[in-house]
Amino acid sequence: MNLHDKHVVITGGGSGIGAAMAHRFRSEGARVTLGDVQVEKAQRIAQQVDGLAVECDVTREQQVIELIRQAQQHAGDIDLFFSNAGIACGEPDHAASADNQIWQNNWELHVMSHVYAARALLPSMIERREGYFLQMSSAAGLLCQIGDAAYSATKHAAVSFAESLAISHGDDGISVSVICPQYVATPLLGLQSDSQMSTAVKNSQGLIATDVVADAVIEGVRQEAFLILPHPKVSQYIQQKSSDYDKWLANMRSLRRYIIKESGGLDLQKMHPFIS
């Protein structure tokens, strides 16, 4: 897709990858609408990219519909919808120990928010025979996030839903890409300031900055590639997993033991420096 003069909507656009992508889409000549439950953050980014900010909790279908309505009213038909909002909560003990609300929150944010956007936009996109769904998943959606079963399971579901969109609607002129990074320097890892993020990237081999993700996403969208991997090693890991599942599981158990030994537990904000 050539992004010049295209209308892009980004959820979770007030910080992290969403904010970085707002700037990159704008630099490509796109018109940008941002949705975020923390609308003040989205408004700050919207001012920087000459866009519109809309308060939106993507776990509520009516709010997603309203985001789309306001975006269309402001800047016309939506060419690309970037479902980006997400969370990572971890688990207190064993793999099933997170409570029902955490599982439900993960499901609503990582899966149903994508469904709500597609449900609202597909009819008009099919009628126009054009449209693009750009969906944030994670390398955990192809591999596994140690210490967070709810995150991994719902990110797998996000990849599966993206596959369904691509299979069912590719012949309707609909393009689909799913982004599957490993660790990115964002507030999700407890990094709040630019200096904290920069220092963390320098000190961790596997951690990348949001602008690196943005570069990979823009190139992937240009090519309309289904799978966008900001960490190229993930492709190798996928091959290893599929070629010998039992060996891959054994290696993941070994990695889990190493992380616990080195970081003292499975806290996402502490473990990422030990994964590359």
Protein backbone atom coordinates (compact mmCIF):
# COMPACT_ATOMS: atom_id res chain seq x y z
CA MET A 1 0.00 0.00 0.00
CA ASN A 2 1.11 3.51 -0.83
CA LEU A 3 0.24 5.43 2.33
CA HIS A 4 0.21 8.89 0.78
CA ASP A 5 -3.18 10.56 1.38
CA LYS A 6 -4.54 7.42 3.02
CA HIS A 7 -6.66 7.66 6.18
CA VAL A 8 -5.18 5.60 9.02
CA VAL A 9 -6.83 4.90 12.39
CA ILE A 10 -4.66 3.74 15.30
CA THR A 11 -5.91 2.37 18.61
CA GLY A 12 -3.64 2.72 21.62
CA GLY A 13 -2.24 5.70 19.76
CA GLY A 14 -1.31 7.83 22.76
CA SER A 15 2.00 6.16 23.60
CA GLY A 16 4.47 3.44 22.71
CA ILE A 17 4.22 1.78 19.31
CA GLY A 18 0.93 3.52 18.53
CA ALA A 19 2.45 6.97 18.98
CA ALA A 20 5.56 6.05 16.98
CA MET A 21 3.38 4.75 14.16
CA ALA A 22 1.27 7.92 14.17
CA HIS A 23 4.40 9.93 13.38
CA ARG A 24 5.59 7.46 10.75
CA PHE A 25 2.22 7.25 9.01
CA ARG A 26 2.06 11.04 8.95
CA SER A 27 5.58 11.24 7.50
CA GLU A 28 4.37 8.93 4.72
CA GLY A 29 1.63 11.43 3.90
CA ALA A 30 -1.26 9.70 5.64
CA ARG A 31 -4.10 11.35 7.54
CA VAL A 32 -4.18 10.03 11.10
CA THR A 33 -6.93 9.42 13.65
CA LEU A 34 -5.97 8.17 17.12
CA GLY A 35 -8.11 6.27 19.58
CA ASP A 36 -7.02 5.75 23.17
CA VAL A 37 -8.69 5.18 26.52
CA GLN A 38 -6.29 7.86 27.85
CA VAL A 39 -7.50 10.54 25.47
CA GLU A 40 -5.20 13.26 26.83
CA LYS A 41 -2.16 11.31 25.62
CA ALA A 42 -3.79 10.74 22.25
CA GLN A 43 -4.60 14.44 21.95
CA ARG A 44 -0.95 15.35 22.50
CA ILE A 45 0.15 13.02 19.69
CA ALA A 46 -2.73 14.12 17.46
CA GLN A 47 -1.59 17.74 17.72
CA GLN A 48 1.88 16.71 16.60
CA VAL A 49 0.59 14.87 13.49
CA ASP A 50 -2.30 17.20 12.57
CA GLY A 51 -4.74 14.42 13.39
CA LEU A 52 -7.84 13.71 15.44
CA ALA A 53 -7.93 12.10 18.89
CA VAL A 54 -10.98 10.18 20.12
CA GLU A 55 -11.49 8.65 23.54
CA CYS A 56 -11.99 4.94 22.98
CA ASP A 57 -12.02 1.85 25.16
CA VAL A 58 -11.56 -0.84 22.50
CA THR A 59 -13.06 -3.53 24.76
CA ARG A 60 -16.44 -1.82 24.23
CA GLU A 61 -17.81 -2.41 20.77
CA GLN A 62 -19.94 0.71 20.74
CA GLN A 63 -16.89 2.85 21.46
CA VAL A 64 -15.01 1.26 18.56
CA ILE A 65 -18.00 2.01 16.33
CA GLU A 66 -18.01 5.60 17.59
CA LEU A 67 -14.26 5.94 16.94
CA ILE A 68 -14.85 4.82 13.36
CA ARG A 69 -17.80 7.17 12.95
CA GLN A 70 -15.87 10.20 14.17
CA ALA A 71 -12.82 9.27 12.10
CA GLN A 72 -14.89 8.99 8.93
CA GLN A 73 -16.67 12.24 9.66
CA HIS A 74 -13.34 13.99 10.17
CA ALA A 75 -11.20 12.53 7.37
CA GLY A 76 -13.32 10.31 5.14
CA ASP A 77 -13.25 6.57 4.49
CA ILE A 78 -10.78 4.57 6.56
CA ASP A 79 -8.11 2.99 4.38
CA LEU A 80 -6.11 1.25 7.13
CA PHE A 81 -7.18 0.35 10.67
CA PHE A 82 -4.33 -0.43 13.07
CA SER A 83 -5.60 -2.42 16.08
CA ASN A 84 -2.73 -1.81 18.46
CA ALA A 85 -3.99 -1.54 22.06
CA GLY A 86 -2.84 -4.27 24.45
CA ILE A 87 -1.82 -5.26 27.97
CA ALA A 88 0.55 -7.66 29.74
CA CYS A 89 -0.33 -8.67 33.31
CA GLY A 90 1.75 -11.75 34.06
CA GLU A 91 0.61 -14.50 36.39
CA PRO A 92 1.06 -14.82 40.16
CA ASP A 93 1.98 -18.51 40.25
CA HIS A 94 1.27 -21.47 37.95
CA ALA A 95 0.13 -21.20 34.32
CA ALA A 96 -3.57 -21.11 35.25
CA SER A 97 -3.21 -18.85 38.30
CA ALA A 98 -4.26 -15.51 36.73
CA ASP A 99 -7.83 -14.71 37.73
CA ASN A 100 -10.81 -14.72 35.38
CA GLN A 101 -10.79 -10.94 35.00
CA ILE A 102 -7.21 -10.92 33.75
CA TRP A 103 -8.05 -13.64 31.22
CA GLN A 104 -11.15 -11.72 30.15
CA ASN A 105 -9.24 -8.44 29.82
CA ASN A 106 -6.62 -10.13 27.64
CA TRP A 107 -9.32 -11.69 25.48
CA GLU A 108 -11.20 -8.44 25.00
CA LEU A 109 -8.12 -6.34 24.25
CA HIS A 110 -6.13 -8.76 22.12
CA VAL A 111 -8.95 -10.46 20.21
CA MET A 112 -12.38 -8.88 20.47
CA SER A 113 -11.13 -5.35 19.80
CA HIS A 114 -9.86 -6.64 16.43
CA VAL A 115 -13.20 -8.35 15.82
CA TYR A 116 -15.17 -5.19 16.63
CA ALA A 117 -13.14 -3.11 14.16
CA ALA A 118 -13.46 -5.70 11.41
CA ARG A 119 -17.17 -6.14 12.04
CA ALA A 120 -17.73 -2.40 11.68
CA LEU A 121 -15.48 -1.86 8.67
CA LEU A 122 -15.69 -4.98 6.52
CA PRO A 123 -19.04 -4.25 4.82
CA SER A 124 -17.90 -0.88 3.45
CA MET A 125 -14.41 -2.14 2.62
CA ILE A 126 -15.83 -5.11 0.73
CA GLU A 127 -18.18 -2.80 -1.14
CA ARG A 128 -15.23 -0.53 -2.09
CA ARG A 129 -13.06 -3.61 -2.71
CA GLU A 130 -10.23 -2.09 -0.75
CA GLY A 131 -9.13 -1.77 2.85
CA TYR A 132 -6.33 -2.79 5.17
CA PHE A 133 -6.35 -4.36 8.64
CA LEU A 134 -3.03 -3.96 10.45
CA GLN A 135 -3.18 -5.92 13.70
CA MET A 136 -0.78 -6.02 16.61
CA SER A 137 -0.03 -9.45 17.97
CA SER A 138 3.34 -10.54 19.37
CA ALA A 139 6.06 -13.09 18.89
CA ALA A 140 4.18 -14.75 21.76
CA GLY A 141 1.36 -15.34 19.26
CA LEU A 142 3.73 -17.53 17.25
CA LEU A 143 5.92 -18.84 20.07
CA CYS A 144 5.07 -18.31 23.76
CA GLN A 145 5.49 -15.68 26.48
CA ILE A 146 7.04 -17.33 29.49
CA GLY A 147 5.15 -16.38 32.66
CA ASP A 148 1.97 -15.12 31.00
CA ALA A 149 -0.35 -17.80 29.65
CA ALA A 150 -3.27 -15.40 29.16
CA TYR A 151 -1.14 -13.11 27.03
CA SER A 152 0.23 -15.97 24.93
CA ALA A 153 -3.13 -17.63 24.38
CA THR A 154 -4.88 -14.45 23.28
CA LYS A 155 -1.99 -13.35 21.07
CA HIS A 156 -2.20 -16.74 19.34
CA ALA A 157 -5.90 -16.07 18.85
CA ALA A 158 -5.09 -12.64 17.37
CA VAL A 159 -2.84 -14.27 14.76
CA SER A 160 -5.56 -16.81 13.99
CA PHE A 161 -8.20 -14.12 13.50
CA ALA A 162 -5.85 -12.22 11.18
CA GLU A 163 -5.40 -15.43 9.18
CA SER A 164 -9.17 -15.80 8.93
CA LEU A 165 -9.52 -12.24 7.64
CA ALA A 166 -6.81 -12.80 5.04
CA ILE A 167 -8.24 -16.11 3.86
CA SER A 168 -11.88 -15.03 3.82
CA HIS A 169 -11.45 -11.55 2.36
CA GLY A 170 -8.26 -11.44 0.33
CA ASP A 171 -10.38 -12.01 -2.78
CA ASP A 172 -12.53 -9.03 -1.71
CA GLY A 173 -9.58 -6.66 -2.02
CA ILE A 174 -8.83 -6.63 1.73
CA SER A 175 -5.20 -6.69 2.89
CA VAL A 176 -4.15 -7.96 6.31
CA SER A 177 -0.87 -7.73 8.20
CA VAL A 178 -0.13 -8.99 11.70
CA ILE A 179 2.82 -7.58 13.66
CA CYS A 180 4.71 -10.00 15.91
CA PRO A 181 7.58 -8.30 17.78
CA GLN A 182 9.42 -9.57 20.81
CA TYR A 183 10.35 -6.99 23.43
CA VAL A 184 9.94 -3.31 22.56
CA ALA A 185 10.92 -0.35 24.76
CA THR A 186 7.46 0.95 25.76
CA PRO A 187 5.52 1.70 28.95
CA LEU A 188 4.36 -1.95 28.85
CA LEU A 189 7.81 -2.80 30.22
CA GLY A 190 7.60 -0.10 32.87
CA LEU A 191 9.64 2.37 30.80
CA GLN A 192 8.09 5.82 30.96
CA SER A 193 10.59 8.42 29.78
CA ASP A 194 12.58 8.63 26.55
CA SER A 195 15.81 8.40 28.51
CA GLN A 196 14.67 5.22 30.28
CA MET A 197 13.73 3.65 26.96
CA SER A 198 17.01 4.65 25.30
CA THR A 199 19.07 3.27 28.20
CA ALA A 200 17.09 0.02 28.24
CA VAL A 201 17.63 -0.52 24.50
CA LYS A 202 21.39 0.04 24.89
CA ASN A 203 21.61 -2.40 27.80
CA SER A 204 19.48 -5.23 26.38
CA GLN A 205 20.44 -7.15 23.26
CA GLY A 206 16.89 -8.26 22.44
CA LEU A 207 15.06 -4.99 23.19
CA ILE A 208 14.31 -2.66 20.27
CA ALA A 209 13.05 0.90 20.06
CA THR A 210 9.63 1.84 18.73
CA ASP A 211 11.16 3.50 15.68
CA VAL A 212 12.68 0.15 14.68
CA VAL A 213 9.22 -1.38 14.88
CA ALA A 214 7.87 1.51 12.81
CA ASP A 215 10.49 0.90 10.10
CA ALA A 216 9.51 -2.78 9.89
CA VAL A 217 5.80 -1.98 9.83
CA ILE A 218 6.06 0.62 7.08
CA GLU A 219 8.09 -1.77 4.92
CA GLY A 220 5.63 -4.59 5.63
CA VAL A 221 2.65 -2.42 4.70
CA ARG A 222 4.36 -1.31 1.49
CA GLN A 223 4.75 -4.96 0.54
CA GLU A 224 1.36 -5.91 2.03
CA ALA A 225 3.13 -8.78 3.80
CA PHE A 226 0.93 -10.82 6.13
CA LEU A 227 3.57 -11.44 8.80
CA ILE A 228 5.65 -8.48 9.99
CA LEU A 229 8.58 -9.47 12.23
CA PRO A 230 10.48 -6.48 13.68
CA HIS A 231 12.82 -9.03 15.32
CA PRO A 232 14.11 -11.09 12.34
CA LYS A 233 15.23 -13.93 14.67
CA VAL A 234 11.58 -14.80 15.27
CA SER A 235 11.43 -16.37 11.81
CA GLN A 236 14.24 -18.72 12.82
CA TYR A 237 12.50 -19.55 16.10
CA ILE A 238 9.28 -20.42 14.25
CA GLN A 239 11.17 -22.85 12.03
CA GLN A 240 12.82 -24.46 15.04
CA LYS A 241 9.47 -24.83 16.78
CA SER A 242 7.73 -26.40 13.78
CA SER A 243 10.61 -28.74 12.91
CA ASP A 244 10.86 -30.34 16.37
CA TYR A 245 8.12 -29.35 18.80
CA ASP A 246 9.38 -31.49 21.69
CA LYS A 247 12.89 -30.08 21.42
CA TRP A 248 11.48 -26.54 21.28
CA LEU A 249 9.44 -27.13 24.45
CA ALA A 250 12.49 -28.52 26.21
CA ASN A 251 14.50 -25.45 25.18
CA MET A 252 11.73 -23.16 26.44
CA ARG A 253 11.72 -24.95 29.81
CA SER A 254 15.48 -24.47 29.98
CA LEU A 255 15.07 -20.77 29.15
CA ARG A 256 12.43 -20.44 31.87
CA ARG A 257 14.80 -21.92 34.45
CA TYR A 258 17.56 -19.56 33.32
CA ILE A 259 15.31 -16.49 33.58
CA ILE A 260 14.19 -17.43 37.10
CA LYS A 261 17.81 -17.96 38.16
CA GLU A 262 19.10 -14.71 36.67
CA SER A 263 16.19 -12.34 37.35
CA GLY A 264 14.75 -13.93 40.49
CA GLY A 265 11.32 -14.62 38.98
CA LEU A 266 9.14 -14.14 35.93
CA ASP A 267 8.36 -10.44 36.16
CA LEU A 268 8.11 -9.11 32.60
CA GLN A 269 9.85 -5.87 33.55
CA LYS A 270 12.85 -7.81 34.90
CA MET A 271 13.10 -10.80 32.58
CA HIS A 272 13.38 -9.14 29.18
CA PRO A 273 17.12 -8.37 29.44
CA PHE A 274 17.78 -12.12 29.61
CA ILE A 275 16.01 -12.94 26.35
CA SER A 276 17.59 -12.08 23.01
